[in-house]
């Protein structure tokens, strides 16, 4: 449970749009992620807001290792 709460806290960002996408992602997909996907999500959360937003909006392709979780974020 502590991991979930920490992830929810990290999803609070400076961009409203990013907040909305990340909260919806948490509600819909987070509990279903395996360990590798959880690590990918943590790596994405380490990115600056604008870089993460650009990746979600397909402006940047990003690291190929992050694509499974990134595709889920793009569905939200």
C-alpha atoms as a PDB file:
ATOM      1  CA  UNK A   1       0.000   0.000   0.000  1.00  0.00           C
ATOM      2  CA  UNK A   2       2.864   2.365   0.777  1.00  0.00           C
ATOM      3  CA  UNK A   3       4.152   1.983  -2.799  1.00  0.00           C
ATOM      4  CA  UNK A   4       0.738   2.979  -4.177  1.00  0.00           C
ATOM      5  CA  UNK A   5       0.531   6.050  -1.970  1.00  0.00           C
ATOM      6  CA  UNK A   6       4.057   7.109  -2.918  1.00  0.00           C
ATOM      7  CA  UNK A   7       3.211   6.740  -6.612  1.00  0.00           C
ATOM      8  CA  UNK A   8       0.009   8.788  -6.196  1.00  0.00           C
ATOM      9  CA  UNK A   9       2.034  11.540  -4.503  1.00  0.00           C
ATOM     10  CA  UNK A  10       4.603  11.516  -7.332  1.00  0.00           C
ATOM     11  CA  UNK A  11       1.764  11.906  -9.865  1.00  0.00           C
ATOM     12  CA  UNK A  12       0.984  15.359  -8.508  1.00  0.00           C
ATOM     13  CA  UNK A  13       2.700  17.540 -11.072  1.00  0.00           C
ATOM     14  CA  UNK A  14       2.919  21.168 -12.161  1.00  0.00           C
ATOM     15  CA  UNK A  15       0.847  20.713 -15.322  1.00  0.00           C
ATOM     16  CA  UNK A  16      -2.887  20.256 -14.799  1.00  0.00           C
ATOM     17  CA  UNK A  17      -3.184  18.114 -17.931  1.00  0.00           C
ATOM     18  CA  UNK A  18      -0.444  15.821 -16.686  1.00  0.00           C
ATOM     19  CA  UNK A  19      -2.106  15.578 -13.259  1.00  0.00           C
ATOM     20  CA  UNK A  20      -5.339  14.476 -14.900  1.00  0.00           C
ATOM     21  CA  UNK A  21      -3.708  11.859 -17.132  1.00  0.00           C
ATOM     22  CA  UNK A  22      -1.579  10.431 -14.328  1.00  0.00           C
ATOM     23  CA  UNK A  23      -4.475  10.215 -11.871  1.00  0.00           C
ATOM     24  CA  UNK A  24      -6.641   8.442 -14.437  1.00  0.00           C
ATOM     25  CA  UNK A  25      -3.742   6.093 -15.177  1.00  0.00           C
ATOM     26  CA  UNK A  26      -3.367   5.344 -11.468  1.00  0.00           C
ATOM     27  CA  UNK A  27      -7.075   4.595 -11.132  1.00  0.00           C
ATOM     28  CA  UNK A  28      -7.282   2.385 -14.202  1.00  0.00           C
ATOM     29  CA  UNK A  29      -3.919   0.666 -14.699  1.00  0.00           C
ATOM     30  CA  UNK A  30      -1.532   0.967 -11.751  1.00  0.00           C
ATOM     31  CA  UNK A  31      -2.817  -2.048  -9.803  1.00  0.00           C
ATOM     32  CA  UNK A  32      -2.472  -4.229 -12.928  1.00  0.00           C
ATOM     33  CA  UNK A  33       1.197  -3.419 -13.630  1.00  0.00           C
ATOM     34  CA  UNK A  34       3.867  -6.076 -13.201  1.00  0.00           C
ATOM     35  CA  UNK A  35       7.261  -5.323 -11.634  1.00  0.00           C
ATOM     36  CA  UNK A  36       8.911  -4.352 -14.945  1.00  0.00           C
ATOM     37  CA  UNK A  37       6.057  -1.993 -15.788  1.00  0.00           C
ATOM     38  CA  UNK A  38       6.185  -0.463 -12.306  1.00  0.00           C
ATOM     39  CA  UNK A  39       9.864   0.307 -12.866  1.00  0.00           C
ATOM     40  CA  UNK A  40       9.043   1.841 -16.259  1.00  0.00           C
ATOM     41  CA  UNK A  41       6.380   4.014 -14.634  1.00  0.00           C
ATOM     42  CA  UNK A  42       8.814   5.153 -11.937  1.00  0.00           C
ATOM     43  CA  UNK A  43      11.333   6.057 -14.651  1.00  0.00           C
ATOM     44  CA  UNK A  44       8.682   8.088 -16.469  1.00  0.00           C
ATOM     45  CA  UNK A  45       7.810   9.899 -13.236  1.00  0.00           C
ATOM     46  CA  UNK A  46      11.474  10.901 -12.893  1.00  0.00           C
ATOM     47  CA  UNK A  47      11.200  12.950 -16.101  1.00  0.00           C
ATOM     48  CA  UNK A  48      10.518  16.685 -16.041  1.00  0.00           C
ATOM     49  CA  UNK A  49       6.860  17.570 -16.590  1.00  0.00           C
ATOM     50  CA  UNK A  50       7.275  18.976 -20.098  1.00  0.00           C
ATOM     51  CA  UNK A  51       9.298  15.988 -21.312  1.00  0.00           C
ATOM     52  CA  UNK A  52       6.772  13.518 -19.932  1.00  0.00           C
ATOM     53  CA  UNK A  53       3.871  15.476 -21.414  1.00  0.00           C
ATOM     54  CA  UNK A  54       5.587  15.548 -24.824  1.00  0.00           C
ATOM     55  CA  UNK A  55       6.092  11.787 -24.696  1.00  0.00           C
ATOM     56  CA  UNK A  56       2.443  11.196 -23.802  1.00  0.00           C
ATOM     57  CA  UNK A  57       1.378  13.486 -26.654  1.00  0.00           C
ATOM     58  CA  UNK A  58       3.667  11.663 -29.116  1.00  0.00           C
ATOM     59  CA  UNK A  59       5.928  14.671 -29.619  1.00  0.00           C
ATOM     60  CA  UNK A  60       8.898  12.632 -28.379  1.00  0.00           C
ATOM     61  CA  UNK A  61       9.330   8.903 -28.812  1.00  0.00           C
ATOM     62  CA  UNK A  62      11.423   8.363 -25.705  1.00  0.00           C
ATOM     63  CA  UNK A  63      13.240   5.225 -24.658  1.00  0.00           C
ATOM     64  CA  UNK A  64      11.962   2.030 -26.290  1.00  0.00           C
ATOM     65  CA  UNK A  65      12.054   0.273 -22.906  1.00  0.00           C
ATOM     66  CA  UNK A  66       9.351   2.626 -21.651  1.00  0.00           C
ATOM     67  CA  UNK A  67       6.918   2.024 -24.500  1.00  0.00           C
ATOM     68  CA  UNK A  68       4.573  -0.499 -22.786  1.00  0.00           C
ATOM     69  CA  UNK A  69       3.670   1.890 -19.958  1.00  0.00           C
ATOM     70  CA  UNK A  70       3.828   4.927 -22.220  1.00  0.00           C
ATOM     71  CA  UNK A  71       1.215   3.333 -24.511  1.00  0.00           C
ATOM     72  CA  UNK A  72      -1.065   2.872 -21.495  1.00  0.00           C
ATOM     73  CA  UNK A  73      -0.608   6.522 -20.547  1.00  0.00           C
ATOM     74  CA  UNK A  74      -1.476   7.521 -24.104  1.00  0.00           C
ATOM     75  CA  UNK A  75      -4.744   5.541 -23.905  1.00  0.00           C
ATOM     76  CA  UNK A  76      -5.878   7.576 -20.930  1.00  0.00           C
END
